[in-house]
Amino acid sequence: MIYVGIPTVDSLHVKTLGGLIHASNKYPIALLTQTSSNLVHNFNKFWCQILNGSDPVEYFVMLHSDMEVPKFWVDTLVEEL
């Protein structure tokens, strides 16, 4: 399982949505969202959710809510490792 955390202050940019819909063509994806003006708090909440979860974690990535990424960007990241 690959976890994708989406930290946001208040909204998700429409171009970011495409990156979430087409995050991977090869791996199961679990989306995590956290809304707070304190982004560091969001990052820590994601990490705690993942460590305390019952599913095994292969990878964890964050996609900020104002970023545009190409289709299947998670696949590219994994292949680069």
PDB file of N, CA and C in Angstrom:
ATOM      1  N   MET A   1       0.845  -1.183   0.000  1.00  0.00           N
ATOM      2  CA  MET A   1       0.000   0.000   0.000  1.00  0.00           C
ATOM      3  C   MET A   1       0.884   1.237   0.000  1.00  0.00           C
ATOM      4  N   ILE A   2       0.530   2.173  -0.847  1.00  0.00           N
ATOM      5  CA  ILE A   2       1.225   3.455  -0.881  1.00  0.00           C
ATOM      6  C   ILE A   2       0.264   4.525  -0.391  1.00  0.00           C
ATOM      7  N   TYR A   3       0.671   5.229   0.642  1.00  0.00           N
ATOM      8  CA  TYR A   3      -0.141   6.297   1.205  1.00  0.00           C
ATOM      9  C   TYR A   3       0.240   7.626   0.586  1.00  0.00           C
ATOM     10  N   VAL A   4      -0.768   8.360   0.159  1.00  0.00           N
ATOM     11  CA  VAL A   4      -0.562   9.700  -0.387  1.00  0.00           C
ATOM     12  C   VAL A   4      -1.255  10.678   0.551  1.00  0.00           C
ATOM     13  N   GLY A   5      -0.465  11.508   1.208  1.00  0.00           N
ATOM     14  CA  GLY A   5      -1.010  12.518   2.104  1.00  0.00           C
ATOM     15  C   GLY A   5      -1.195  13.822   1.363  1.00  0.00           C
ATOM     16  N   ILE A   6      -2.350  14.446   1.575  1.00  0.00           N
ATOM     17  CA  ILE A   6      -2.642  15.728   0.942  1.00  0.00           C
ATOM     18  C   ILE A   6      -2.857  16.772   2.042  1.00  0.00           C
ATOM     19  N   PRO A   7      -1.783  17.486   2.422  1.00  0.00           N
ATOM     20  CA  PRO A   7      -1.950  18.546   3.414  1.00  0.00           C
ATOM     21  C   PRO A   7      -2.552  19.777   2.754  1.00  0.00           C
ATOM     22  N   THR A   8      -3.492  20.388   3.428  1.00  0.00           N
ATOM     23  CA  THR A   8      -4.119  21.579   2.870  1.00  0.00           C
ATOM     24  C   THR A   8      -4.485  22.562   3.977  1.00  0.00           C
ATOM     25  N   VAL A   9      -4.488  23.813   3.631  1.00  0.00           N
ATOM     26  CA  VAL A   9      -4.930  24.849   4.560  1.00  0.00           C
ATOM     27  C   VAL A   9      -6.442  24.973   4.494  1.00  0.00           C
ATOM     28  N   ASP A  10      -6.985  25.003   3.262  1.00  0.00           N
ATOM     29  CA  ASP A  10      -8.436  25.161   3.163  1.00  0.00           C
ATOM     30  C   ASP A  10      -9.059  24.565   1.906  1.00  0.00           C
ATOM     31  N   SER A  11      -8.278  24.332   0.857  1.00  0.00           N
ATOM     32  CA  SER A  11      -8.892  23.846  -0.383  1.00  0.00           C
ATOM     33  C   SER A  11      -7.882  23.047  -1.208  1.00  0.00           C
ATOM     34  N   LEU A  12      -8.408  22.357  -2.201  1.00  0.00           N
ATOM     35  CA  LEU A  12      -7.610  21.551  -3.105  1.00  0.00           C
ATOM     36  C   LEU A  12      -7.693  22.176  -4.492  1.00  0.00           C
ATOM     37  N   HIS A  13      -6.543  22.444  -5.089  1.00  0.00           N
ATOM     38  CA  HIS A  13      -6.518  23.027  -6.428  1.00  0.00           C
ATOM     39  C   HIS A  13      -7.043  22.007  -7.423  1.00  0.00           C
ATOM     40  N   VAL A  14      -7.799  22.459  -8.406  1.00  0.00           N
ATOM     41  CA  VAL A  14      -8.411  21.555  -9.377  1.00  0.00           C
ATOM     42  C   VAL A  14      -7.361  20.748 -10.143  1.00  0.00           C
ATOM     43  N   LYS A  15      -6.192  21.305 -10.399  1.00  0.00           N
ATOM     44  CA  LYS A  15      -5.142  20.569 -11.121  1.00  0.00           C
ATOM     45  C   LYS A  15      -4.517  19.477 -10.248  1.00  0.00           C
ATOM     46  N   THR A  16      -4.586  19.634  -8.949  1.00  0.00           N
ATOM     47  CA  THR A  16      -4.092  18.599  -8.039  1.00  0.00           C
ATOM     48  C   THR A  16      -4.988  17.371  -8.093  1.00  0.00           C
ATOM     49  N   LEU A  17      -6.265  17.589  -8.307  1.00  0.00           N
ATOM     50  CA  LEU A  17      -7.227  16.486  -8.351  1.00  0.00           C
ATOM     51  C   LEU A  17      -6.867  15.461  -9.417  1.00  0.00           C
ATOM     52  N   GLY A  18      -6.431  15.900 -10.581  1.00  0.00           N
ATOM     53  CA  GLY A  18      -6.018  14.979 -11.635  1.00  0.00           C
ATOM     54  C   GLY A  18      -4.872  14.089 -11.192  1.00  0.00           C
ATOM     55  N   GLY A  19      -3.943  14.651 -10.433  1.00  0.00           N
ATOM     56  CA  GLY A  19      -2.826  13.877  -9.908  1.00  0.00           C
ATOM     57  C   GLY A  19      -3.243  12.840  -8.892  1.00  0.00           C
ATOM     58  N   LEU A  20      -4.348  13.087  -8.213  1.00  0.00           N
ATOM     59  CA  LEU A  20      -4.857  12.113  -7.253  1.00  0.00           C
ATOM     60  C   LEU A  20      -5.643  11.005  -7.948  1.00  0.00           C
ATOM     61  N   ILE A  21      -6.421  11.387  -8.936  1.00  0.00           N
ATOM     62  CA  ILE A  21      -7.216  10.404  -9.670  1.00  0.00           C
ATOM     63  C   ILE A  21      -6.316   9.435 -10.422  1.00  0.00           C
ATOM     64  N   HIS A  22      -5.233   9.957 -10.986  1.00  0.00           N
ATOM     65  CA  HIS A  22      -4.307   9.145 -11.786  1.00  0.00           C
ATOM     66  C   HIS A  22      -2.951   9.023 -11.093  1.00  0.00           C
ATOM     67  N   ALA A  23      -2.951   8.774  -9.793  1.00  0.00           N
ATOM     68  CA  ALA A  23      -1.696   8.699  -9.043  1.00  0.00           C
ATOM     69  C   ALA A  23      -0.858   7.491  -9.438  1.00  0.00           C
ATOM     70  N   SER A  24      -1.514   6.337  -9.625  1.00  0.00           N
ATOM     71  CA  SER A  24      -0.763   5.127  -9.937  1.00  0.00           C
ATOM     72  C   SER A  24      -1.572   4.204 -10.832  1.00  0.00           C
ATOM     73  N   ASN A  25      -0.863   3.536 -11.697  1.00  0.00           N
ATOM     74  CA  ASN A  25      -1.451   2.526 -12.558  1.00  0.00           C
ATOM     75  C   ASN A  25      -1.021   1.130 -12.108  1.00  0.00           C
ATOM     76  N   LYS A  26      -0.132   1.065 -11.097  1.00  0.00           N
ATOM     77  CA  LYS A  26       0.458  -0.203 -10.672  1.00  0.00           C
ATOM     78  C   LYS A  26       0.216  -0.565  -9.215  1.00  0.00           C
ATOM     79  N   TYR A  27       0.026   0.423  -8.361  1.00  0.00           N
ATOM     80  CA  TYR A  27       0.001   0.188  -6.920  1.00  0.00           C
ATOM     81  C   TYR A  27      -1.314   0.644  -6.299  1.00  0.00           C
ATOM     82  N   PRO A  28      -1.740  -0.055  -5.239  1.00  0.00           N
ATOM     83  CA  PRO A  28      -2.916   0.436  -4.503  1.00  0.00           C
ATOM     84  C   PRO A  28      -2.545   1.702  -3.733  1.00  0.00           C
ATOM     85  N   ILE A  29      -3.432   2.671  -3.771  1.00  0.00           N
ATOM     86  CA  ILE A  29      -3.201   3.974  -3.157  1.00  0.00           C
ATOM     87  C   ILE A  29      -4.247   4.215  -2.069  1.00  0.00           C
ATOM     88  N   ALA A  30      -3.796   4.727  -0.942  1.00  0.00           N
ATOM     89  CA  ALA A  30      -4.698   5.181   0.113  1.00  0.00           C
ATOM     90  C   ALA A  30      -4.484   6.679   0.283  1.00  0.00           C
ATOM     91  N   LEU A  31      -5.549   7.442   0.147  1.00  0.00           N
ATOM     92  CA  LEU A  31      -5.456   8.897   0.285  1.00  0.00           C
ATOM     93  C   LEU A  31      -5.733   9.320   1.714  1.00  0.00           C
ATOM     94  N   LEU A  32      -4.903  10.212   2.215  1.00  0.00           N
ATOM     95  CA  LEU A  32      -5.084  10.802   3.535  1.00  0.00           C
ATOM     96  C   LEU A  32      -5.185  12.302   3.363  1.00  0.00           C
ATOM     97  N   THR A  33      -6.153  12.916   4.008  1.00  0.00           N
ATOM     98  CA  THR A  33      -6.268  14.369   3.951  1.00  0.00           C
ATOM     99  C   THR A  33      -6.228  14.933   5.359  1.00  0.00           C
ATOM    100  N   GLN A  34      -5.689  16.122   5.464  1.00  0.00           N
ATOM    101  CA  GLN A  34      -5.598  16.808   6.738  1.00  0.00           C
ATOM    102  C   GLN A  34      -5.670  18.294   6.451  1.00  0.00           C
ATOM    103  N   THR A  35      -6.594  18.984   7.119  1.00  0.00           N
ATOM    104  CA  THR A  35      -6.766  20.412   6.899  1.00  0.00           C
ATOM    105  C   THR A  35      -6.426  21.186   8.167  1.00  0.00           C
ATOM    106  N   SER A  36      -5.438  22.042   8.044  1.00  0.00           N
ATOM    107  CA  SER A  36      -5.040  22.901   9.152  1.00  0.00           C
ATOM    108  C   SER A  36      -4.122  23.981   8.600  1.00  0.00           C
ATOM    109  N   SER A  37      -4.146  25.146   9.194  1.00  0.00           N
ATOM    110  CA  SER A  37      -3.220  26.199   8.765  1.00  0.00           C
ATOM    111  C   SER A  37      -1.802  25.893   9.234  1.00  0.00           C
ATOM    112  N   ASN A  38      -1.663  24.970  10.167  1.00  0.00           N
ATOM    113  CA  ASN A  38      -0.354  24.547  10.644  1.00  0.00           C
ATOM    114  C   ASN A  38       0.053  23.298   9.853  1.00  0.00           C
ATOM    115  N   LEU A  39       0.754  23.509   8.744  1.00  0.00           N
ATOM    116  CA  LEU A  39       1.089  22.394   7.863  1.00  0.00           C
ATOM    117  C   LEU A  39       1.998  21.362   8.519  1.00  0.00           C
ATOM    118  N   VAL A  40       2.881  21.783   9.392  1.00  0.00           N
ATOM    119  CA  VAL A  40       3.738  20.823  10.088  1.00  0.00           C
ATOM    120  C   VAL A  40       2.880  19.875  10.920  1.00  0.00           C
ATOM    121  N   HIS A  41       1.844  20.390  11.524  1.00  0.00           N
ATOM    122  CA  HIS A  41       0.892  19.544  12.265  1.00  0.00           C
ATOM    123  C   HIS A  41       0.254  18.522  11.317  1.00  0.00           C
ATOM    124  N   ASN A  42      -0.118  18.954  10.119  1.00  0.00           N
ATOM    125  CA  ASN A  42      -0.670  18.026   9.122  1.00  0.00           C
ATOM    126  C   ASN A  42       0.311  16.900   8.826  1.00  0.00           C
ATOM    127  N   PHE A  43       1.567  17.247   8.598  1.00  0.00           N
ATOM    128  CA  PHE A  43       2.581  16.238   8.272  1.00  0.00           C
ATOM    129  C   PHE A  43       2.696  15.214   9.396  1.00  0.00           C
ATOM    130  N   ASN A  44       2.746  15.688  10.635  1.00  0.00           N
ATOM    131  CA  ASN A  44       2.865  14.788  11.784  1.00  0.00           C
ATOM    132  C   ASN A  44       1.631  13.910  11.945  1.00  0.00           C
ATOM    133  N   LYS A  45       0.462  14.454  11.685  1.00  0.00           N
ATOM    134  CA  LYS A  45      -0.781  13.657  11.777  1.00  0.00           C
ATOM    135  C   LYS A  45      -0.765  12.523  10.754  1.00  0.00           C
ATOM    136  N   PHE A  46      -0.307  12.812   9.533  1.00  0.00           N
ATOM    137  CA  PHE A  46      -0.199  11.761   8.518  1.00  0.00           C
ATOM    138  C   PHE A  46       0.701  10.635   9.016  1.00  0.00           C
ATOM    139  N   TRP A  47       1.869  11.006   9.494  1.00  0.00           N
ATOM    140  CA  TRP A  47       2.845  10.020   9.934  1.00  0.00           C
ATOM    141  C   TRP A  47       2.272   9.160  11.052  1.00  0.00           C
ATOM    142  N   CYS A  48       1.581   9.766  12.000  1.00  0.00           N
ATOM    143  CA  CYS A  48       0.953   9.015  13.095  1.00  0.00           C
ATOM    144  C   CYS A  48      -0.142   8.084  12.576  1.00  0.00           C
ATOM    145  N   GLN A  49      -0.969   8.557  11.656  1.00  0.00           N
ATOM    146  CA  GLN A  49      -2.015   7.717  11.077  1.00  0.00           C
ATOM    147  C   GLN A  49      -1.423   6.471  10.436  1.00  0.00           C
ATOM    148  N   ILE A  50      -0.342   6.654   9.704  1.00  0.00           N
ATOM    149  CA  ILE A  50       0.277   5.543   8.992  1.00  0.00           C
ATOM    150  C   ILE A  50       0.922   4.563   9.977  1.00  0.00           C
ATOM    151  N   LEU A  51       1.668   5.069  10.929  1.00  0.00           N
ATOM    152  CA  LEU A  51       2.342   4.194  11.885  1.00  0.00           C
ATOM    153  C   LEU A  51       1.349   3.441  12.773  1.00  0.00           C
ATOM    154  N   ASN A  52       0.219   4.049  13.064  1.00  0.00           N
ATOM    155  CA  ASN A  52      -0.775   3.413  13.931  1.00  0.00           C
ATOM    156  C   ASN A  52      -1.813   2.596  13.158  1.00  0.00           C
ATOM    157  N   GLY A  53      -1.733   2.584  11.834  1.00  0.00           N
ATOM    158  CA  GLY A  53      -2.696   1.850  11.025  1.00  0.00           C
ATOM    159  C   GLY A  53      -2.417   0.353  11.019  1.00  0.00           C
ATOM    160  N   SER A  54      -3.372  -0.391  10.522  1.00  0.00           N
ATOM    161  CA  SER A  54      -3.237  -1.848  10.499  1.00  0.00           C
ATOM    162  C   SER A  54      -2.690  -2.376   9.172  1.00  0.00           C
ATOM    163  N   ASP A  55      -2.726  -1.561   8.107  1.00  0.00           N
ATOM    164  CA  ASP A  55      -2.231  -2.001   6.808  1.00  0.00           C
ATOM    165  C   ASP A  55      -0.717  -1.814   6.717  1.00  0.00           C
ATOM    166  N   PRO A  56      -0.038  -2.762   6.065  1.00  0.00           N
ATOM    167  CA  PRO A  56       1.404  -2.574   5.871  1.00  0.00           C
ATOM    168  C   PRO A  56       1.673  -1.394   4.931  1.00  0.00           C
ATOM    169  N   VAL A  57       2.733  -0.675   5.195  1.00  0.00           N
ATOM    170  CA  VAL A  57       3.074   0.512   4.422  1.00  0.00           C
ATOM    171  C   VAL A  57       4.316   0.229   3.583  1.00  0.00           C
ATOM    172  N   GLU A  58       4.186   0.406   2.267  1.00  0.00           N
ATOM    173  CA  GLU A  58       5.361   0.293   1.398  1.00  0.00           C
ATOM    174  C   GLU A  58       6.035   1.649   1.268  1.00  0.00           C
ATOM    175  N   TYR A  59       5.210   2.659   0.979  1.00  0.00           N
ATOM    176  CA  TYR A  59       5.733   4.007   0.774  1.00  0.00           C
ATOM    177  C   TYR A  59       4.721   5.030   1.275  1.00  0.00           C
ATOM    178  N   PHE A  60       5.247   6.206   1.596  1.00  0.00           N
ATOM    179  CA  PHE A  60       4.402   7.336   1.963  1.00  0.00           C
ATOM    180  C   PHE A  60       4.923   8.559   1.219  1.00  0.00           C
ATOM    181  N   VAL A  61       4.037   9.245   0.525  1.00  0.00           N
ATOM    182  CA  VAL A  61       4.391  10.472  -0.183  1.00  0.00           C
ATOM    183  C   VAL A  61       3.366  11.546   0.157  1.00  0.00           C
ATOM    184  N   MET A  62       3.770  12.783  -0.005  1.00  0.00           N
ATOM    185  CA  MET A  62       2.832  13.888   0.165  1.00  0.00           C
ATOM    186  C   MET A  62       2.723  14.657  -1.132  1.00  0.00           C
ATOM    187  N   LEU A  63       1.498  15.032  -1.428  1.00  0.00           N
ATOM    188  CA  LEU A  63       1.226  15.893  -2.577  1.00  0.00           C
ATOM    189  C   LEU A  63       0.514  17.123  -2.038  1.00  0.00           C
ATOM    190  N   HIS A  64       1.198  18.234  -2.075  1.00  0.00           N
ATOM    191  CA  HIS A  64       0.588  19.455  -1.546  1.00  0.00           C
ATOM    192  C   HIS A  64      -0.591  19.871  -2.417  1.00  0.00           C
ATOM    193  N   SER A  65      -1.542  20.498  -1.807  1.00  0.00           N
ATOM    194  CA  SER A  65      -2.843  20.768  -2.437  1.00  0.00           C
ATOM    195  C   SER A  65      -2.806  21.791  -3.564  1.00  0.00           C
ATOM    196  N   ASP A  66      -1.641  22.378  -3.817  1.00  0.00           N
ATOM    197  CA  ASP A  66      -1.532  23.362  -4.901  1.00  0.00           C
ATOM    198  C   ASP A  66      -0.550  22.920  -5.985  1.00  0.00           C
ATOM    199  N   MET A  67      -0.262  21.625  -6.036  1.00  0.00           N
ATOM    200  CA  MET A  67       0.718  21.102  -6.995  1.00  0.00           C
ATOM    201  C   MET A  67       0.028  20.373  -8.148  1.00  0.00           C
ATOM    202  N   GLU A  68       0.617  20.492  -9.320  1.00  0.00           N
ATOM    203  CA  GLU A  68       0.157  19.742 -10.489  1.00  0.00           C
ATOM    204  C   GLU A  68       1.232  18.711 -10.831  1.00  0.00           C
ATOM    205  N   VAL A  69       0.822  17.459 -10.990  1.00  0.00           N
ATOM    206  CA  VAL A  69       1.766  16.381 -11.294  1.00  0.00           C
ATOM    207  C   VAL A  69       1.279  15.605 -12.516  1.00  0.00           C
ATOM    208  N   PRO A  70       2.188  14.917 -13.204  1.00  0.00           N
ATOM    209  CA  PRO A  70       1.775  14.140 -14.376  1.00  0.00           C
ATOM    210  C   PRO A  70       1.041  12.866 -13.966  1.00  0.00           C
ATOM    211  N   LYS A  71       0.345  12.260 -14.919  1.00  0.00           N
ATOM    212  CA  LYS A  71      -0.329  10.988 -14.663  1.00  0.00           C
ATOM    213  C   LYS A  71       0.691   9.952 -14.181  1.00  0.00           C
ATOM    214  N   PHE A  72       0.250   9.134 -13.251  1.00  0.00           N
ATOM    215  CA  PHE A  72       1.024   8.008 -12.726  1.00  0.00           C
ATOM    216  C   PHE A  72       2.358   8.437 -12.118  1.00  0.00           C
ATOM    217  N   TRP A  73       2.354   9.575 -11.485  1.00  0.00           N
ATOM    218  CA  TRP A  73       3.545  10.125 -10.859  1.00  0.00           C
ATOM    219  C   TRP A  73       4.077   9.248  -9.736  1.00  0.00           C
ATOM    220  N   VAL A  74       3.195   8.556  -9.025  1.00  0.00           N
ATOM    221  CA  VAL A  74       3.651   7.668  -7.948  1.00  0.00           C
ATOM    222  C   VAL A  74       4.472   6.515  -8.538  1.00  0.00           C
ATOM    223  N   ASP A  75       4.034   5.972  -9.677  1.00  0.00           N
ATOM    224  CA  ASP A  75       4.785   4.904 -10.340  1.00  0.00           C
ATOM    225  C   ASP A  75       6.197   5.366 -10.671  1.00  0.00           C
ATOM    226  N   THR A  76       6.317   6.587 -11.153  1.00  0.00           N
ATOM    227  CA  THR A  76       7.623   7.140 -11.499  1.00  0.00           C
ATOM    228  C   THR A  76       8.497   7.267 -10.263  1.00  0.00           C
ATOM    229  N   LEU A  77       7.922   7.742  -9.148  1.00  0.00           N
ATOM    230  CA  LEU A  77       8.692   7.872  -7.913  1.00  0.00           C
ATOM    231  C   LEU A  77       9.221   6.523  -7.440  1.00  0.00           C
ATOM    232  N   VAL A  78       8.366   5.506  -7.456  1.00  0.00           N
ATOM    233  CA  VAL A  78       8.775   4.174  -7.005  1.00  0.00           C
ATOM    234  C   VAL A  78       9.868   3.610  -7.917  1.00  0.00           C
ATOM    235  N   GLU A  79       9.711   3.791  -9.209  1.00  0.00           N
ATOM    236  CA  GLU A  79      10.721   3.296 -10.145  1.00  0.00           C
ATOM    237  C   GLU A  79      12.070   3.978  -9.954  1.00  0.00           C
ATOM    238  N   GLU A  80      12.061   5.228  -9.516  1.00  0.00           N
ATOM    239  CA  GLU A  80      13.305   5.962  -9.295  1.00  0.00           C
ATOM    240  C   GLU A  80      14.041   5.513  -8.035  1.00  0.00           C
ATOM    241  N   LEU A  81      13.348   4.846  -7.119  1.00  0.00           N
ATOM    242  CA  LEU A  81      13.995   4.424  -5.863  1.00  0.00           C
ATOM    243  C   LEU A  81      14.948   3.299  -6.065  1.00  0.00           C
TER     244      LEU A  81
END
